[in-house]
Amino acid sequence: MKRRPPLTEQEKQDALDALASALHALKSPAEVRAFLDDLCTPAELEAMADRWRVVPYLLDGVPYREIHDRTLVSVTTIGRVARTLERGAGGYGAAVKRTARAK
């Protein structure tokens, strides 16, 4: 396998910004879904969907064990999502607000 040199922090940020711009340019949930299907492995999609699925339960204050029982998402993943909701960059919160408005 060919190895590539490690990316600089700026190159990593530029790559993430380009990915964010690509997602932002898509016009519908169907386009986003198609992009994600092309971009991610089934396991990656499942992991992201699991994380997103537990967000409403956490916001409603449902205990981790109960969330696990309802969703079968691991307690470890639920904890990670909870920490991100509390101390993350605010992406979950922005998405929750915007998807709530769209309903």
PDB file of N, CA and C in Angstrom:
ATOM      1  N   MET A   1       0.842  -1.169   0.000  1.00  0.00           N
ATOM      2  CA  MET A   1       0.000   0.000   0.000  1.00  0.00           C
ATOM      3  C   MET A   1       0.892   1.238   0.000  1.00  0.00           C
ATOM      4  N   LYS A   2       0.524   2.185  -0.826  1.00  0.00           N
ATOM      5  CA  LYS A   2       1.276   3.432  -0.927  1.00  0.00           C
ATOM      6  C   LYS A   2       0.917   4.331   0.245  1.00  0.00           C
ATOM      7  N   ARG A   3       1.910   4.910   0.863  1.00  0.00           N
ATOM      8  CA  ARG A   3       1.658   5.817   1.989  1.00  0.00           C
ATOM      9  C   ARG A   3       1.765   7.258   1.516  1.00  0.00           C
ATOM     10  N   ARG A   4       0.897   8.058   2.030  1.00  0.00           N
ATOM     11  CA  ARG A   4       0.960   9.481   1.710  1.00  0.00           C
ATOM     12  C   ARG A   4       1.551  10.217   2.905  1.00  0.00           C
ATOM     13  N   PRO A   5       2.170  11.340   2.651  1.00  0.00           N
ATOM     14  CA  PRO A   5       2.687  12.119   3.790  1.00  0.00           C
ATOM     15  C   PRO A   5       1.522  12.670   4.596  1.00  0.00           C
ATOM     16  N   PRO A   6       1.702  12.847   5.893  1.00  0.00           N
ATOM     17  CA  PRO A   6       0.611  13.375   6.716  1.00  0.00           C
ATOM     18  C   PRO A   6       0.236  14.787   6.283  1.00  0.00           C
ATOM     19  N   LEU A   7      -1.050  15.083   6.412  1.00  0.00           N
ATOM     20  CA  LEU A   7      -1.531  16.416   6.075  1.00  0.00           C
ATOM     21  C   LEU A   7      -1.182  17.393   7.192  1.00  0.00           C
ATOM     22  N   THR A   8      -0.959  18.627   6.805  1.00  0.00           N
ATOM     23  CA  THR A   8      -0.773  19.676   7.803  1.00  0.00           C
ATOM     24  C   THR A   8      -2.136  20.005   8.399  1.00  0.00           C
ATOM     25  N   GLU A   9      -2.144  20.690   9.521  1.00  0.00           N
ATOM     26  CA  GLU A   9      -3.409  21.103  10.133  1.00  0.00           C
ATOM     27  C   GLU A   9      -4.218  21.960   9.166  1.00  0.00           C
ATOM     28  N   GLN A  10      -3.552  22.836   8.425  1.00  0.00           N
ATOM     29  CA  GLN A  10      -4.262  23.694   7.468  1.00  0.00           C
ATOM     30  C   GLN A  10      -4.872  22.862   6.349  1.00  0.00           C
ATOM     31  N   GLU A  11      -4.142  21.869   5.862  1.00  0.00           N
ATOM     32  CA  GLU A  11      -4.681  20.999   4.812  1.00  0.00           C
ATOM     33  C   GLU A  11      -5.896  20.210   5.316  1.00  0.00           C
ATOM     34  N   LYS A  12      -5.839  19.759   6.574  1.00  0.00           N
ATOM     35  CA  LYS A  12      -6.980  19.055   7.162  1.00  0.00           C
ATOM     36  C   LYS A  12      -8.195  19.976   7.241  1.00  0.00           C
ATOM     37  N   GLN A  13      -7.971  21.205   7.704  1.00  0.00           N
ATOM     38  CA  GLN A  13      -9.069  22.167   7.820  1.00  0.00           C
ATOM     39  C   GLN A  13      -9.644  22.502   6.446  1.00  0.00           C
ATOM     40  N   ASP A  14      -8.768  22.683   5.455  1.00  0.00           N
ATOM     41  CA  ASP A  14      -9.230  22.979   4.100  1.00  0.00           C
ATOM     42  C   ASP A  14     -10.073  21.832   3.540  1.00  0.00           C
ATOM     43  N   ALA A  15      -9.654  20.594   3.805  1.00  0.00           N
ATOM     44  CA  ALA A  15     -10.408  19.428   3.323  1.00  0.00           C
ATOM     45  C   ALA A  15     -11.782  19.360   3.987  1.00  0.00           C
ATOM     46  N   LEU A  16     -11.837  19.614   5.292  1.00  0.00           N
ATOM     47  CA  LEU A  16     -13.134  19.621   5.992  1.00  0.00           C
ATOM     48  C   LEU A  16     -14.022  20.763   5.509  1.00  0.00           C
ATOM     49  N   ASP A  17     -13.426  21.925   5.256  1.00  0.00           N
ATOM     50  CA  ASP A  17     -14.203  23.047   4.730  1.00  0.00           C
ATOM     51  C   ASP A  17     -14.774  22.721   3.356  1.00  0.00           C
ATOM     52  N   ALA A  18     -13.989  22.044   2.516  1.00  0.00           N
ATOM     53  CA  ALA A  18     -14.462  21.661   1.186  1.00  0.00           C
ATOM     54  C   ALA A  18     -15.618  20.660   1.294  1.00  0.00           C
ATOM     55  N   LEU A  19     -15.499  19.724   2.218  1.00  0.00           N
ATOM     56  CA  LEU A  19     -16.576  18.762   2.436  1.00  0.00           C
ATOM     57  C   LEU A  19     -17.840  19.469   2.932  1.00  0.00           C
ATOM     58  N   ALA A  20     -17.676  20.380   3.875  1.00  0.00           N
ATOM     59  CA  ALA A  20     -18.827  21.137   4.386  1.00  0.00           C
ATOM     60  C   ALA A  20     -19.480  21.944   3.272  1.00  0.00           C
ATOM     61  N   SER A  21     -18.684  22.530   2.408  1.00  0.00           N
ATOM     62  CA  SER A  21     -19.228  23.303   1.280  1.00  0.00           C
ATOM     63  C   SER A  21     -19.998  22.404   0.322  1.00  0.00           C
ATOM     64  N   ALA A  22     -19.484  21.209   0.085  1.00  0.00           N
ATOM     65  CA  ALA A  22     -20.178  20.267  -0.803  1.00  0.00           C
ATOM     66  C   ALA A  22     -21.536  19.894  -0.211  1.00  0.00           C
ATOM     67  N   LEU A  23     -21.584  19.608   1.090  1.00  0.00           N
ATOM     68  CA  LEU A  23     -22.852  19.282   1.738  1.00  0.00           C
ATOM     69  C   LEU A  23     -23.817  20.469   1.672  1.00  0.00           C
ATOM     70  N   HIS A  24     -23.302  21.645   1.914  1.00  0.00           N
ATOM     71  CA  HIS A  24     -24.134  22.850   1.903  1.00  0.00           C
ATOM     72  C   HIS A  24     -24.717  23.123   0.513  1.00  0.00           C
ATOM     73  N   ALA A  25     -24.003  22.732  -0.533  1.00  0.00           N
ATOM     74  CA  ALA A  25     -24.448  22.995  -1.898  1.00  0.00           C
ATOM     75  C   ALA A  25     -25.601  22.092  -2.333  1.00  0.00           C
ATOM     76  N   LEU A  26     -25.800  20.998  -1.640  1.00  0.00           N
ATOM     77  CA  LEU A  26     -26.864  20.068  -2.016  1.00  0.00           C
ATOM     78  C   LEU A  26     -28.221  20.666  -1.668  1.00  0.00           C
ATOM     79  N   LYS A  27     -29.222  20.365  -2.482  1.00  0.00           N
ATOM     80  CA  LYS A  27     -30.506  21.070  -2.391  1.00  0.00           C
ATOM     81  C   LYS A  27     -31.626  20.310  -1.702  1.00  0.00           C
ATOM     82  N   SER A  28     -31.475  19.020  -1.495  1.00  0.00           N
ATOM     83  CA  SER A  28     -32.588  18.260  -0.924  1.00  0.00           C
ATOM     84  C   SER A  28     -32.052  17.114  -0.069  1.00  0.00           C
ATOM     85  N   PRO A  29     -32.892  16.605   0.827  1.00  0.00           N
ATOM     86  CA  PRO A  29     -32.470  15.424   1.590  1.00  0.00           C
ATOM     87  C   PRO A  29     -32.070  14.258   0.682  1.00  0.00           C
ATOM     88  N   ALA A  30     -32.745  14.106  -0.444  1.00  0.00           N
ATOM     89  CA  ALA A  30     -32.401  13.019  -1.364  1.00  0.00           C
ATOM     90  C   ALA A  30     -30.986  13.198  -1.931  1.00  0.00           C
ATOM     91  N   GLU A  31     -30.618  14.436  -2.262  1.00  0.00           N
ATOM     92  CA  GLU A  31     -29.264  14.697  -2.756  1.00  0.00           C
ATOM     93  C   GLU A  31     -28.225  14.430  -1.667  1.00  0.00           C
ATOM     94  N   VAL A  32     -28.533  14.861  -0.445  1.00  0.00           N
ATOM     95  CA  VAL A  32     -27.609  14.617   0.664  1.00  0.00           C
ATOM     96  C   VAL A  32     -27.456  13.117   0.887  1.00  0.00           C
ATOM     97  N   ARG A  33     -28.559  12.399   0.855  1.00  0.00           N
ATOM     98  CA  ARG A  33     -28.514  10.944   1.050  1.00  0.00           C
ATOM     99  C   ARG A  33     -27.658  10.284  -0.035  1.00  0.00           C
ATOM    100  N   ALA A  34     -27.838  10.680  -1.285  1.00  0.00           N
ATOM    101  CA  ALA A  34     -27.048  10.111  -2.374  1.00  0.00           C
ATOM    102  C   ALA A  34     -25.564  10.409  -2.177  1.00  0.00           C
ATOM    103  N   PHE A  35     -25.252  11.638  -1.772  1.00  0.00           N
ATOM    104  CA  PHE A  35     -23.860  12.020  -1.518  1.00  0.00           C
ATOM    105  C   PHE A  35     -23.275  11.176  -0.389  1.00  0.00           C
ATOM    106  N   LEU A  36     -24.024  11.038   0.707  1.00  0.00           N
ATOM    107  CA  LEU A  36     -23.540  10.232   1.828  1.00  0.00           C
ATOM    108  C   LEU A  36     -23.363   8.770   1.431  1.00  0.00           C
ATOM    109  N   ASP A  37     -24.292   8.231   0.632  1.00  0.00           N
ATOM    110  CA  ASP A  37     -24.159   6.853   0.157  1.00  0.00           C
ATOM    111  C   ASP A  37     -22.883   6.672  -0.664  1.00  0.00           C
ATOM    112  N   ASP A  38     -22.548   7.675  -1.465  1.00  0.00           N
ATOM    113  CA  ASP A  38     -21.324   7.611  -2.271  1.00  0.00           C
ATOM    114  C   ASP A  38     -20.071   7.806  -1.426  1.00  0.00           C
ATOM    115  N   LEU A  39     -20.161   8.656  -0.429  1.00  0.00           N
ATOM    116  CA  LEU A  39     -19.002   9.052   0.356  1.00  0.00           C
ATOM    117  C   LEU A  39     -18.628   8.047   1.435  1.00  0.00           C
ATOM    118  N   CYS A  40     -19.621   7.444   2.070  1.00  0.00           N
ATOM    119  CA  CYS A  40     -19.397   6.659   3.283  1.00  0.00           C
ATOM    120  C   CYS A  40     -19.630   5.169   3.057  1.00  0.00           C
ATOM    121  N   THR A  41     -18.998   4.384   3.907  1.00  0.00           N
ATOM    122  CA  THR A  41     -19.277   2.949   3.921  1.00  0.00           C
ATOM    123  C   THR A  41     -20.602   2.720   4.659  1.00  0.00           C
ATOM    124  N   PRO A  42     -21.224   1.564   4.462  1.00  0.00           N
ATOM    125  CA  PRO A  42     -22.441   1.275   5.225  1.00  0.00           C
ATOM    126  C   PRO A  42     -22.227   1.380   6.738  1.00  0.00           C
ATOM    127  N   ALA A  43     -21.083   0.938   7.230  1.00  0.00           N
ATOM    128  CA  ALA A  43     -20.809   1.023   8.673  1.00  0.00           C
ATOM    129  C   ALA A  43     -20.707   2.476   9.134  1.00  0.00           C
ATOM    130  N   GLU A  44     -20.091   3.319   8.325  1.00  0.00           N
ATOM    131  CA  GLU A  44     -19.987   4.737   8.683  1.00  0.00           C
ATOM    132  C   GLU A  44     -21.365   5.394   8.711  1.00  0.00           C
ATOM    133  N   LEU A  45     -22.187   5.062   7.724  1.00  0.00           N
ATOM    134  CA  LEU A  45     -23.551   5.608   7.698  1.00  0.00           C
ATOM    135  C   LEU A  45     -24.358   5.146   8.899  1.00  0.00           C
ATOM    136  N   GLU A  46     -24.217   3.877   9.254  1.00  0.00           N
ATOM    137  CA  GLU A  46     -24.932   3.354  10.416  1.00  0.00           C
ATOM    138  C   GLU A  46     -24.487   4.064  11.692  1.00  0.00           C
ATOM    139  N   ALA A  47     -23.184   4.286  11.831  1.00  0.00           N
ATOM    140  CA  ALA A  47     -22.668   4.961  13.023  1.00  0.00           C
ATOM    141  C   ALA A  47     -23.203   6.394  13.112  1.00  0.00           C
ATOM    142  N   MET A  48     -23.210   7.106  11.999  1.00  0.00           N
ATOM    143  CA  MET A  48     -23.717   8.478  12.015  1.00  0.00           C
ATOM    144  C   MET A  48     -25.220   8.506  12.289  1.00  0.00           C
ATOM    145  N   ALA A  49     -25.952   7.594  11.676  1.00  0.00           N
ATOM    146  CA  ALA A  49     -27.401   7.541  11.905  1.00  0.00           C
ATOM    147  C   ALA A  49     -27.704   7.201  13.363  1.00  0.00           C
ATOM    148  N   ASP A  50     -26.923   6.287  13.944  1.00  0.00           N
ATOM    149  CA  ASP A  50     -27.108   5.954  15.363  1.00  0.00           C
ATOM    150  C   ASP A  50     -26.900   7.179  16.245  1.00  0.00           C
ATOM    151  N   ARG A  51     -25.845   7.929  15.971  1.00  0.00           N
ATOM    152  CA  ARG A  51     -25.569   9.132  16.770  1.00  0.00           C
ATOM    153  C   ARG A  51     -26.722  10.118  16.669  1.00  0.00           C
ATOM    154  N   TRP A  52     -27.193  10.344  15.458  1.00  0.00           N
ATOM    155  CA  TRP A  52     -28.276  11.300  15.256  1.00  0.00           C
ATOM    156  C   TRP A  52     -29.572  10.806  15.893  1.00  0.00           C
ATOM    157  N   ARG A  53     -29.790   9.500  15.858  1.00  0.00           N
ATOM    158  CA  ARG A  53     -31.016   8.920  16.403  1.00  0.00           C
ATOM    159  C   ARG A  53     -31.134   9.111  17.904  1.00  0.00           C
ATOM    160  N   VAL A  54     -30.022   9.167  18.624  1.00  0.00           N
ATOM    161  CA  VAL A  54     -30.099   9.296  20.079  1.00  0.00           C
ATOM    162  C   VAL A  54     -30.218  10.754  20.542  1.00  0.00           C
ATOM    163  N   VAL A  55     -29.946  11.697  19.669  1.00  0.00           N
ATOM    164  CA  VAL A  55     -29.990  13.112  20.061  1.00  0.00           C
ATOM    165  C   VAL A  55     -31.334  13.506  20.667  1.00  0.00           C
ATOM    166  N   PRO A  56     -32.476  13.206  20.033  1.00  0.00           N
ATOM    167  CA  PRO A  56     -33.753  13.625  20.643  1.00  0.00           C
ATOM    168  C   PRO A  56     -33.984  13.027  22.025  1.00  0.00           C
ATOM    169  N   TYR A  57     -33.578  11.778  22.210  1.00  0.00           N
ATOM    170  CA  TYR A  57     -33.734  11.154  23.525  1.00  0.00           C
ATOM    171  C   TYR A  57     -32.899  11.893  24.580  1.00  0.00           C
ATOM    172  N   LEU A  58     -31.674  12.232  24.223  1.00  0.00           N
ATOM    173  CA  LEU A  58     -30.810  12.954  25.163  1.00  0.00           C
ATOM    174  C   LEU A  58     -31.394  14.325  25.488  1.00  0.00           C
ATOM    175  N   LEU A  59     -31.895  15.007  24.484  1.00  0.00           N
ATOM    176  CA  LEU A  59     -32.493  16.328  24.713  1.00  0.00           C
ATOM    177  C   LEU A  59     -33.741  16.243  25.585  1.00  0.00           C
ATOM    178  N   ASP A  60     -34.416  15.107  25.534  1.00  0.00           N
ATOM    179  CA  ASP A  60     -35.601  14.894  26.382  1.00  0.00           C
ATOM    180  C   ASP A  60     -35.233  14.360  27.765  1.00  0.00           C
ATOM    181  N   GLY A  61     -33.931  14.162  28.027  1.00  0.00           N
ATOM    182  CA  GLY A  61     -33.498  13.717  29.345  1.00  0.00           C
ATOM    183  C   GLY A  61     -33.700  12.235  29.624  1.00  0.00           C
ATOM    184  N   VAL A  62     -33.844  11.430  28.582  1.00  0.00           N
ATOM    185  CA  VAL A  62     -34.027   9.995  28.766  1.00  0.00           C
ATOM    186  C   VAL A  62     -32.705   9.395  29.253  1.00  0.00           C
ATOM    187  N   PRO A  63     -32.736   8.546  30.267  1.00  0.00           N
ATOM    188  CA  PRO A  63     -31.500   7.923  30.766  1.00  0.00           C
ATOM    189  C   PRO A  63     -30.817   7.069  29.689  1.00  0.00           C
ATOM    190  N   TYR A  64     -29.484   7.026  29.762  1.00  0.00           N
ATOM    191  CA  TYR A  64     -28.696   6.298  28.767  1.00  0.00           C
ATOM    192  C   TYR A  64     -29.175   4.868  28.585  1.00  0.00           C
ATOM    193  N   ARG A  65     -29.385   4.157  29.680  1.00  0.00           N
ATOM    194  CA  ARG A  65     -29.774   2.741  29.593  1.00  0.00           C
ATOM    195  C   ARG A  65     -31.102   2.594  28.856  1.00  0.00           C
ATOM    196  N   GLU A  66     -32.036   3.503  29.102  1.00  0.00           N
ATOM    197  CA  GLU A  66     -33.321   3.452  28.412  1.00  0.00           C
ATOM    198  C   GLU A  66     -33.154   3.756  26.920  1.00  0.00           C
ATOM    199  N   ILE A  67     -32.287   4.718  26.602  1.00  0.00           N
ATOM    200  CA  ILE A  67     -32.005   5.010  25.194  1.00  0.00           C
ATOM    201  C   ILE A  67     -31.439   3.760  24.528  1.00  0.00           C
ATOM    202  N   HIS A  68     -30.500   3.109  25.209  1.00  0.00           N
ATOM    203  CA  HIS A  68     -29.920   1.876  24.671  1.00  0.00           C
ATOM    204  C   HIS A  68     -31.006   0.828  24.445  1.00  0.00           C
ATOM    205  N   ASP A  69     -31.891   0.647  25.412  1.00  0.00           N
ATOM    206  CA  ASP A  69     -32.953  -0.348  25.295  1.00  0.00           C
ATOM    207  C   ASP A  69     -33.886  -0.042  24.115  1.00  0.00           C
ATOM    208  N   ARG A  70     -34.133   1.235  23.877  1.00  0.00           N
ATOM    209  CA  ARG A  70     -35.039   1.621  22.784  1.00  0.00           C
ATOM    210  C   ARG A  70     -34.372   1.553  21.414  1.00  0.00           C
ATOM    211  N   THR A  71     -33.059   1.855  21.356  1.00  0.00           N
ATOM    212  CA  THR A  71     -32.387   2.011  20.058  1.00  0.00           C
ATOM    213  C   THR A  71     -31.340   0.944  19.757  1.00  0.00           C
ATOM    214  N   LEU A  72     -30.868   0.258  20.794  1.00  0.00           N
ATOM    215  CA  LEU A  72     -29.760  -0.692  20.709  1.00  0.00           C
ATOM    216  C   LEU A  72     -28.424  -0.023  20.372  1.00  0.00           C
ATOM    217  N   VAL A  73     -28.372   1.301  20.472  1.00  0.00           N
ATOM    218  CA  VAL A  73     -27.106   2.030  20.329  1.00  0.00           C
ATOM    219  C   VAL A  73     -26.327   1.834  21.621  1.00  0.00           C
ATOM    220  N   SER A  74     -25.011   1.648  21.509  1.00  0.00           N
ATOM    221  CA  SER A  74     -24.206   1.371  22.699  1.00  0.00           C
ATOM    222  C   SER A  74     -24.226   2.549  23.675  1.00  0.00           C
ATOM    223  N   VAL A  75     -24.122   2.228  24.941  1.00  0.00           N
ATOM    224  CA  VAL A  75     -24.091   3.260  25.984  1.00  0.00           C
ATOM    225  C   VAL A  75     -22.873   4.158  25.784  1.00  0.00           C
ATOM    226  N   THR A  76     -21.771   3.587  25.302  1.00  0.00           N
ATOM    227  CA  THR A  76     -20.569   4.384  25.027  1.00  0.00           C
ATOM    228  C   THR A  76     -20.856   5.444  23.970  1.00  0.00           C
ATOM    229  N   THR A  77     -21.505   5.049  22.888  1.00  0.00           N
ATOM    230  CA  THR A  77     -21.851   6.010  21.837  1.00  0.00           C
ATOM    231  C   THR A  77     -22.823   7.058  22.360  1.00  0.00           C
ATOM    232  N   ILE A  78     -23.784   6.637  23.134  1.00  0.00           N
ATOM    233  CA  ILE A  78     -24.743   7.581  23.714  1.00  0.00           C
ATOM    234  C   ILE A  78     -24.012   8.609  24.573  1.00  0.00           C
ATOM    235  N   GLY A  79     -23.058   8.150  25.364  1.00  0.00           N
ATOM    236  CA  GLY A  79     -22.261   9.062  26.190  1.00  0.00           C
ATOM    237  C   GLY A  79     -21.461  10.043  25.359  1.00  0.00           C
ATOM    238  N   ARG A  80     -20.887   9.562  24.273  1.00  0.00           N
ATOM    239  CA  ARG A  80     -20.117  10.453  23.389  1.00  0.00           C
ATOM    240  C   ARG A  80     -21.010  11.531  22.789  1.00  0.00           C
ATOM    241  N   VAL A  81     -22.190  11.128  22.358  1.00  0.00           N
ATOM    242  CA  VAL A  81     -23.126  12.106  21.790  1.00  0.00           C
ATOM    243  C   VAL A  81     -23.539  13.119  22.860  1.00  0.00           C
ATOM    244  N   ALA A  82     -23.786  12.642  24.065  1.00  0.00           N
ATOM    245  CA  ALA A  82     -24.171  13.545  25.160  1.00  0.00           C
ATOM    246  C   ALA A  82     -23.066  14.569  25.436  1.00  0.00           C
ATOM    247  N   ARG A  83     -21.816  14.108  25.465  1.00  0.00           N
ATOM    248  CA  ARG A  83     -20.696  15.036  25.689  1.00  0.00           C
ATOM    249  C   ARG A  83     -20.602  16.055  24.563  1.00  0.00           C
ATOM    250  N   THR A  84     -20.831  15.597  23.335  1.00  0.00           N
ATOM    251  CA  THR A  84     -20.768  16.510  22.201  1.00  0.00           C
ATOM    252  C   THR A  84     -21.902  17.523  22.258  1.00  0.00           C
ATOM    253  N   LEU A  85     -23.085  17.089  22.674  1.00  0.00           N
ATOM    254  CA  LEU A  85     -24.187  18.039  22.837  1.00  0.00           C
ATOM    255  C   LEU A  85     -23.834  19.121  23.845  1.00  0.00           C
ATOM    256  N   GLU A  86     -23.145  18.740  24.900  1.00  0.00           N
ATOM    257  CA  GLU A  86     -22.783  19.694  25.954  1.00  0.00           C
ATOM    258  C   GLU A  86     -21.603  20.579  25.579  1.00  0.00           C
ATOM    259  N   ARG A  87     -20.568  19.984  24.966  1.00  0.00           N
ATOM    260  CA  ARG A  87     -19.313  20.706  24.772  1.00  0.00           C
ATOM    261  C   ARG A  87     -18.836  20.753  23.334  1.00  0.00           C
ATOM    262  N   GLY A  88     -19.675  20.368  22.401  1.00  0.00           N
ATOM    263  CA  GLY A  88     -19.262  20.314  21.005  1.00  0.00           C
ATOM    264  C   GLY A  88     -19.307  21.677  20.333  1.00  0.00           C
ATOM    265  N   ALA A  89     -19.274  21.641  19.017  1.00  0.00           N
ATOM    266  CA  ALA A  89     -19.219  22.859  18.210  1.00  0.00           C
ATOM    267  C   ALA A  89     -20.594  23.466  17.955  1.00  0.00           C
ATOM    268  N   GLY A  90     -21.664  22.801  18.406  1.00  0.00           N
ATOM    269  CA  GLY A  90     -23.011  23.339  18.223  1.00  0.00           C
ATOM    270  C   GLY A  90     -23.737  22.817  16.999  1.00  0.00           C
ATOM    271  N   GLY A  91     -23.130  21.888  16.295  1.00  0.00           N
ATOM    272  CA  GLY A  91     -23.753  21.358  15.083  1.00  0.00           C
ATOM    273  C   GLY A  91     -25.031  20.589  15.339  1.00  0.00           C
ATOM    274  N   TYR A  92     -25.033  19.766  16.380  1.00  0.00           N
ATOM    275  CA  TYR A  92     -26.259  19.030  16.697  1.00  0.00           C
ATOM    276  C   TYR A  92     -27.387  20.013  16.994  1.00  0.00           C
ATOM    277  N   GLY A  93     -27.096  21.015  17.805  1.00  0.00           N
ATOM    278  CA  GLY A  93     -28.128  21.982  18.178  1.00  0.00           C
ATOM    279  C   GLY A  93     -28.688  22.725  16.981  1.00  0.00           C
ATOM    280  N   ALA A  94     -27.812  23.155  16.076  1.00  0.00           N
ATOM    281  CA  ALA A  94     -28.267  23.864  14.877  1.00  0.00           C
ATOM    282  C   ALA A  94     -29.150  22.958  14.023  1.00  0.00           C
ATOM    283  N   ALA A  95     -28.742  21.711  13.869  1.00  0.00           N
ATOM    284  CA  ALA A  95     -29.525  20.776  13.051  1.00  0.00           C
ATOM    285  C   ALA A  95     -30.871  20.479  13.699  1.00  0.00           C
ATOM    286  N   VAL A  96     -30.876  20.319  15.019  1.00  0.00           N
ATOM    287  CA  VAL A  96     -32.142  20.053  15.719  1.00  0.00           C
ATOM    288  C   VAL A  96     -33.099  21.223  15.517  1.00  0.00           C
ATOM    289  N   LYS A  97     -32.620  22.441  15.700  1.00  0.00           N
ATOM    290  CA  LYS A  97     -33.480  23.620  15.530  1.00  0.00           C
ATOM    291  C   LYS A  97     -34.036  23.723  14.124  1.00  0.00           C
ATOM    292  N   ARG A  98     -33.187  23.487  13.142  1.00  0.00           N
ATOM    293  CA  ARG A  98     -33.625  23.642  11.747  1.00  0.00           C
ATOM    294  C   ARG A  98     -34.549  22.516  11.316  1.00  0.00           C
ATOM    295  N   THR A  99     -34.291  21.300  11.777  1.00  0.00           N
ATOM    296  CA  THR A  99     -35.185  20.201  11.393  1.00  0.00           C
ATOM    297  C   THR A  99     -36.513  20.321  12.111  1.00  0.00           C
ATOM    298  N   ALA A 100     -36.526  20.876  13.319  1.00  0.00           N
ATOM    299  CA  ALA A 100     -37.787  21.086  14.044  1.00  0.00           C
ATOM    300  C   ALA A 100     -38.643  22.116  13.318  1.00  0.00           C
ATOM    301  N   ARG A 101     -38.009  23.147  12.785  1.00  0.00           N
ATOM    302  CA  ARG A 101     -38.736  24.182  12.038  1.00  0.00           C
ATOM    303  C   ARG A 101     -39.314  23.639  10.737  1.00  0.00           C
ATOM    304  N   ALA A 102     -38.618  22.680  10.147  1.00  0.00           N
ATOM    305  CA  ALA A 102     -39.049  22.140   8.856  1.00  0.00           C
ATOM    306  C   ALA A 102     -40.258  21.221   8.983  1.00  0.00           C
ATOM    307  N   LYS A 103     -40.546  20.752  10.204  1.00  0.00           N
ATOM    308  CA  LYS A 103     -41.672  19.818  10.381  1.00  0.00           C
ATOM    309  C   LYS A 103     -42.986  20.531  10.507  1.00  0.00           C
TER     310      LYS A 103
END
